[in-house]
Protein backbone atom coordinates (compact mmCIF):
# COMPACT_ATOMS: atom_id res chain seq x y z
CA MET A 1 -14.33 16.02 20.23
CA SER A 2 -16.00 15.20 16.76
CA ASN A 3 -16.09 11.26 15.85
CA SER A 4 -15.80 12.30 12.08
CA ILE A 5 -12.90 9.61 10.71
CA TYR A 6 -13.23 11.10 7.18
CA ILE A 7 -13.32 14.48 5.18
CA GLY A 8 -15.56 14.17 2.16
CA TYR A 9 -15.11 16.47 -0.86
CA TYR A 10 -17.90 17.35 -3.28
CA PHE A 11 -16.41 18.37 -6.92
CA LYS A 12 -18.54 19.63 -9.62
CA VAL A 13 -16.80 19.68 -12.82
CA LYS A 14 -17.23 20.59 -16.33
CA PRO A 15 -16.44 18.95 -18.87
CA ILE A 16 -16.93 15.48 -16.76
CA GLN A 17 -14.02 14.17 -19.10
CA PRO A 18 -11.21 14.22 -18.73
CA VAL A 19 -11.26 16.63 -15.90
CA THR A 20 -12.27 13.85 -13.70
CA GLU A 21 -9.66 11.27 -14.41
CA ILE A 22 -6.84 14.17 -14.09
CA LEU A 23 -8.63 15.36 -11.08
CA ILE A 24 -8.58 12.08 -9.40
CA ALA A 25 -4.94 10.96 -9.98
CA GLU A 26 -4.02 14.39 -8.07
CA LEU A 27 -6.24 13.70 -5.58
CA GLY A 28 -4.86 10.36 -5.08
CA TYR A 29 -1.32 11.33 -4.74
CA ALA A 30 -2.15 14.48 -2.46
CA GLY A 31 -3.78 11.32 0.09
CA PHE A 32 -7.33 11.09 -0.99
CA GLU A 33 -8.02 7.27 -0.76
CA SER A 34 -11.38 6.91 -2.33
CA PHE A 35 -13.74 8.20 -5.36
CA VAL A 36 -16.87 8.13 -6.35
CA GLU A 37 -17.83 9.37 -9.42
CA ASN A 38 -21.64 10.83 -10.68
CA GLU A 39 -22.97 13.09 -13.24
CA ASP A 40 -21.46 16.00 -12.33
CA GLY A 41 -18.25 15.22 -10.92
CA VAL A 42 -16.84 13.06 -8.25
CA THR A 43 -16.91 12.79 -4.56
CA ALA A 44 -13.37 12.18 -3.00
CA TYR A 45 -12.81 11.00 0.77
CA ILE A 46 -9.70 11.79 2.95
CA GLN A 47 -9.07 10.27 6.12
CA LYS A 48 -9.14 13.25 8.53
CA LYS A 49 -5.88 12.58 10.38
CA GLU A 50 -4.23 12.89 7.05
CA TRP A 51 -5.94 16.17 6.24
CA GLN A 52 -4.57 19.65 6.36
CA LYS A 53 -5.92 23.35 5.28
CA ASP A 54 -3.28 22.82 2.30
CA ILE A 55 -4.47 19.83 1.43
CA LEU A 56 -5.55 21.04 -2.44
CA ASP A 57 -2.69 23.89 -2.95
CA ASP A 58 -0.75 21.22 -5.47
CA ILE A 59 -4.21 20.17 -7.27
CA GLN A 60 -2.95 21.94 -10.29
CA ILE A 61 -5.74 21.22 -12.34
CA LEU A 62 -7.83 23.96 -9.90
CA ASN A 63 -6.13 26.67 -11.09
CA SER A 64 -6.74 25.78 -15.24
CA ASP A 65 -8.77 28.26 -16.86
CA GLU A 66 -9.57 25.52 -19.13
CA PHE A 67 -12.10 24.15 -16.74
CA GLU A 68 -14.69 25.16 -14.64
CA ILE A 69 -14.20 22.80 -11.00
CA SER A 70 -15.94 24.08 -7.80
CA TYR A 71 -16.26 22.19 -4.48
CA THR A 72 -17.79 21.99 -0.98
CA PHE A 73 -16.56 19.67 1.72
CA GLU A 74 -17.54 18.40 5.17
CA ASP A 75 -16.87 16.04 7.61
CA ILE A 76 -18.32 12.54 7.45
CA GLU A 77 -19.73 11.46 11.11
CA GLN A 78 -19.63 7.61 11.69
CA THR A 79 -23.19 7.85 12.23
CA ASN A 80 -24.16 9.17 8.52
CA TRP A 81 -21.85 7.10 7.09
CA ASN A 82 -24.42 4.85 5.23
CA GLU A 83 -26.49 7.54 4.31
CA GLU A 84 -23.59 9.53 2.82
CA TRP A 85 -23.14 6.26 0.63
CA GLU A 86 -26.70 5.52 -0.63
CA LYS A 87 -26.08 9.24 -1.39
CA ASN A 88 -23.01 8.30 -3.80
CA PHE A 89 -23.06 4.64 -4.09
CA ASN A 90 -24.04 3.10 -7.21
CA PRO A 91 -23.58 -0.67 -7.93
CA ILE A 92 -21.34 -1.41 -10.76
CA VAL A 93 -20.46 -4.34 -13.00
CA VAL A 94 -17.08 -5.70 -14.05
CA ASP A 95 -16.60 -7.34 -17.19
CA ASN A 96 -20.20 -8.33 -17.23
CA LEU A 97 -19.52 -10.84 -14.76
CA CYS A 98 -19.00 -9.35 -11.43
CA SER A 99 -21.92 -7.21 -9.83
CA VAL A 100 -20.77 -5.29 -6.42
CA ARG A 101 -23.60 -3.42 -5.01
CA ALA A 102 -25.19 -2.72 -1.47
CA PRO A 103 -28.46 -4.30 0.17
CA PHE A 104 -30.82 -1.58 -0.92
CA HIS A 105 -29.85 -2.41 -4.92
CA GLN A 106 -31.91 -4.18 -7.38
CA LYS A 107 -30.19 -7.49 -7.83
CA PRO A 108 -28.68 -7.53 -11.28
CA ASN A 109 -28.52 -10.35 -13.78
CA THR A 110 -24.63 -11.29 -13.43
CA LYS A 111 -22.94 -14.56 -12.75
CA TYR A 112 -21.36 -13.23 -9.70
CA ASP A 113 -22.93 -11.11 -7.32
CA ILE A 114 -21.40 -9.63 -4.04
CA ILE A 115 -23.54 -7.35 -1.55
CA ILE A 116 -21.12 -4.74 0.25
CA GLU A 117 -22.38 -2.24 3.43
CA PRO A 118 -19.59 0.18 2.77
CA LYS A 119 -19.67 1.95 6.12
CA MET A 120 -16.46 3.59 6.99
CA SER A 121 -14.27 1.09 4.73
CA PHE A 122 -13.51 1.55 1.41
CA GLY A 123 -12.83 -1.22 -1.84
CA THR A 124 -16.23 -1.49 -3.28
CA GLY A 125 -15.49 -1.79 -6.83
CA HIS A 126 -15.27 1.52 -7.43
CA HIS A 127 -12.16 2.62 -7.06
CA GLU A 128 -9.67 1.66 -10.33
CA THR A 129 -7.30 -0.29 -7.77
CA THR A 130 -10.21 -2.62 -6.42
CA HIS A 131 -11.96 -2.74 -9.87
CA MET A 132 -8.81 -3.81 -11.38
CA MET A 133 -8.03 -7.05 -8.42
CA ILE A 134 -11.74 -7.84 -9.01
CA GLN A 135 -10.75 -8.84 -12.97
CA HIS A 136 -7.64 -10.51 -11.72
CA ILE A 137 -9.65 -12.85 -9.74
CA LEU A 138 -12.22 -13.32 -12.61
CA ASN A 139 -9.42 -13.77 -15.14
CA ASN A 140 -7.44 -16.54 -12.65
CA ASP A 141 -8.07 -19.91 -11.41
CA PHE A 142 -8.76 -19.90 -7.55
CA LYS A 143 -10.37 -23.02 -7.20
CA ASP A 144 -9.22 -24.87 -3.96
CA LYS A 145 -6.26 -22.18 -3.95
CA SER A 146 -5.33 -20.75 -0.27
CA VAL A 147 -5.63 -17.06 -0.23
CA LEU A 148 -4.39 -13.93 1.75
CA ASP A 149 -6.07 -10.62 0.82
CA MET A 150 -4.13 -8.07 2.33
CA GLY A 151 -5.81 -4.63 2.85
CA CYS A 152 -8.82 -5.80 2.60
CA GLY A 153 -11.14 -3.38 2.90
CA THR A 154 -14.93 -4.10 2.94
CA GLY A 155 -13.56 -7.62 2.30
CA VAL A 156 -14.79 -7.86 -1.27
CA LEU A 157 -11.80 -9.58 -2.87
CA ALA A 158 -11.74 -12.31 -0.33
CA ILE A 159 -15.61 -12.83 -1.16
CA LEU A 160 -15.17 -13.01 -4.93
CA ALA A 161 -12.16 -15.30 -4.10
CA GLU A 162 -14.51 -17.88 -1.91
CA ILE A 163 -17.09 -17.60 -4.88
CA LYS A 164 -14.38 -18.51 -7.57
CA GLY A 165 -13.56 -21.92 -4.92
CA ALA A 166 -10.86 -20.34 -3.18
CA LYS A 167 -10.37 -21.95 0.50
CA PRO A 168 -8.97 -21.12 2.74
CA ILE A 169 -8.79 -17.21 2.86
CA ASP A 170 -7.21 -14.68 5.36
CA ALA A 171 -8.56 -11.14 5.16
CA ILE A 172 -6.71 -8.26 7.09
CA ASP A 173 -6.49 -5.11 7.28
CA TYR A 174 -5.13 -2.53 9.93
CA ASP A 175 -8.09 -0.41 10.61
CA ASN A 176 -10.83 -1.26 12.99
CA TRP A 177 -13.75 0.02 10.64
CA CYS A 178 -12.12 -2.43 8.15
CA TYR A 179 -12.08 -5.33 10.18
CA LEU A 180 -15.38 -5.16 11.58
CA ASN A 181 -17.10 -4.47 8.09
CA SER A 182 -15.36 -6.96 6.76
CA LEU A 183 -16.73 -9.37 9.18
CA GLU A 184 -19.99 -8.08 8.40
CA ASN A 185 -19.68 -8.52 4.58
CA VAL A 186 -18.60 -11.59 5.13
CA GLU A 187 -21.44 -13.09 6.75
CA ARG A 188 -23.85 -11.27 4.70
CA ASN A 189 -22.56 -12.86 1.41
CA ASN A 190 -22.88 -16.28 3.33
CA CYS A 191 -18.69 -16.88 3.38
CA LYS A 192 -17.55 -20.09 5.15
CA ASN A 193 -13.54 -20.29 4.09
CA ILE A 194 -12.59 -16.36 5.17
CA THR A 195 -11.09 -15.75 8.35
CA VAL A 196 -11.09 -11.70 8.76
CA LEU A 197 -7.96 -10.44 11.09
CA GLU A 198 -6.98 -6.89 12.66
CA GLY A 199 -3.54 -6.49 12.23
CA ASP A 200 -0.83 -5.70 9.29
CA ALA A 201 2.01 -7.93 7.72
CA ASN A 202 3.18 -9.00 11.52
CA LEU A 203 0.28 -11.78 11.19
CA LEU A 204 1.93 -13.61 8.67
CA LYS A 205 4.89 -15.29 10.41
CA ASN A 206 4.93 -18.83 9.39
CA LYS A 207 1.90 -18.28 6.62
CA LYS A 208 1.92 -19.73 3.45
CA TYR A 209 -0.44 -18.79 0.56
CA ASP A 210 -0.85 -19.97 -3.00
CA ILE A 211 -2.31 -16.56 -4.08
CA ILE A 212 -1.37 -12.92 -1.96
CA ILE A 213 -3.96 -10.04 -2.87
CA ALA A 214 -2.34 -6.87 -1.63
CA ASN A 215 -4.31 -3.46 -2.90
CA ILE A 216 -2.83 -1.08 -0.55
CA ASN A 217 -0.28 1.92 -1.32
CA ARG A 218 3.38 1.95 -2.63
CA ASN A 219 5.25 2.38 0.56
CA ILE A 220 3.50 -0.45 2.46
CA LEU A 221 3.79 -2.72 -0.48
CA LEU A 222 7.77 -1.86 -0.76
CA GLN A 223 7.98 -2.40 2.82
CA ASP A 224 6.37 -5.69 3.12
CA MET A 225 7.52 -7.19 -0.38
CA LYS A 226 9.75 -9.54 1.43
CA THR A 227 7.50 -10.82 4.25
CA TYR A 228 4.72 -11.36 1.10
CA THR A 229 7.56 -13.40 -0.78
CA ALA A 230 8.20 -15.79 2.11
CA CYS A 231 4.50 -16.41 2.43
CA LEU A 232 4.03 -17.24 -1.34
CA ASN A 233 4.03 -20.80 -2.23
CA LYS A 234 6.10 -22.42 -5.03
CA ASN A 235 4.37 -21.34 -8.38
CA GLY A 236 2.26 -19.01 -6.33
CA MET A 237 0.55 -15.63 -8.09
CA LEU A 238 0.92 -12.57 -6.38
CA PHE A 239 -1.40 -9.37 -7.12
CA LEU A 240 -0.45 -5.98 -6.95
CA SER A 241 -2.35 -2.67 -6.37
CA GLY A 242 -2.74 0.78 -5.41
CA PHE A 243 -0.12 2.66 -7.11
CA TYR A 244 0.49 4.47 -10.36
CA ALA A 245 2.05 3.81 -13.56
CA ASP A 246 4.81 6.13 -12.61
CA ASP A 247 5.59 3.25 -9.77
CA ILE A 248 5.47 0.22 -11.84
CA SER A 249 9.70 0.49 -12.47
CA ILE A 250 10.30 0.87 -8.00
CA ILE A 251 7.77 -2.11 -7.55
CA GLN A 252 9.01 -4.21 -10.37
CA ALA A 253 12.49 -3.88 -9.13
CA GLU A 254 11.51 -5.08 -5.33
CA CYS A 255 9.88 -8.12 -6.80
CA GLU A 256 12.65 -9.22 -8.87
CA LYS A 257 14.47 -8.70 -6.22
CA TYR A 258 13.24 -11.61 -4.74
CA MET A 259 13.33 -13.31 -7.46
CA LEU A 260 9.30 -12.80 -8.73
CA LYS A 261 8.43 -13.20 -12.49
CA PHE A 262 6.48 -10.35 -13.65
CA ALA A 263 3.46 -11.78 -15.52
CA GLU A 264 0.48 -9.17 -16.53
CA LYS A 265 -0.55 -5.36 -16.31
CA LEU A 266 -3.82 -4.00 -15.75
CA GLU A 267 -4.18 -0.25 -16.41
CA ARG A 268 -7.04 2.03 -15.75
CA ASN A 269 -7.11 5.79 -15.29
CA ASN A 270 -3.37 5.95 -14.65
CA TRP A 271 -3.84 3.24 -11.62
CA VAL A 272 -2.28 -0.23 -12.08
CA SER A 273 -2.45 -3.63 -10.84
CA LEU A 274 0.79 -6.16 -11.48
CA LYS A 275 0.44 -9.78 -11.38
CA PHE A 276 3.84 -11.26 -10.56
CA LEU A 277 4.85 -15.72 -10.30
CA ASN A 278 6.94 -16.92 -7.68
């Protein structure tokens, strides 16, 4: 039995833009959950349990005569995941303030520097949703605020929240690899105020937070919105991402059902992140 958890697709495209942007959007709808852009195109990852042989049948841009797109794909074994990231993972800088890099990258000259060893979990800052959540954290006051990072992935958002002065912080993910990876990254960045938990919204009973960060996907957000609202302190902030511009109306309607007030929208390559106030 294979021990692979993800399948990696390596797309070579011409021209790079707008092809890469369109391709990522279509792959996101098909179930791919992380993307790393490079000079030849993009590498896309999907969980093996979500994969099927006809996964690319609905990717319309692949049938376009205007562009050149070729691809290969392979199982990503747990044992070679670090090697995979070293091939594809470049450091990023968000708004010239926050860098997210692997331990083998040189330390940049930024105000905030986060070191991530991705392994089998996602949320490195490369994906648009993580990038926008980092922007939200940079642009808002987190000092002495209690924070929930729901669907924490690598733990990068919880780590940045602590760097910005938040405490205490809960970082939760249902995926065991993400849980273990977040534990490692929290330690690597010398964080003292983050508790990493393995599970889902059922862990939130009787919890209260000043700020909730939820970068998951549309369906989980809609399913758990009532729980998030119950956990949010008066005058608290809720940051949501993991969905597209087309999903804004349904997300906003669900938030308004619980008296949350829309405050801000960020958009990046058709992905969006929304801020609501309690």
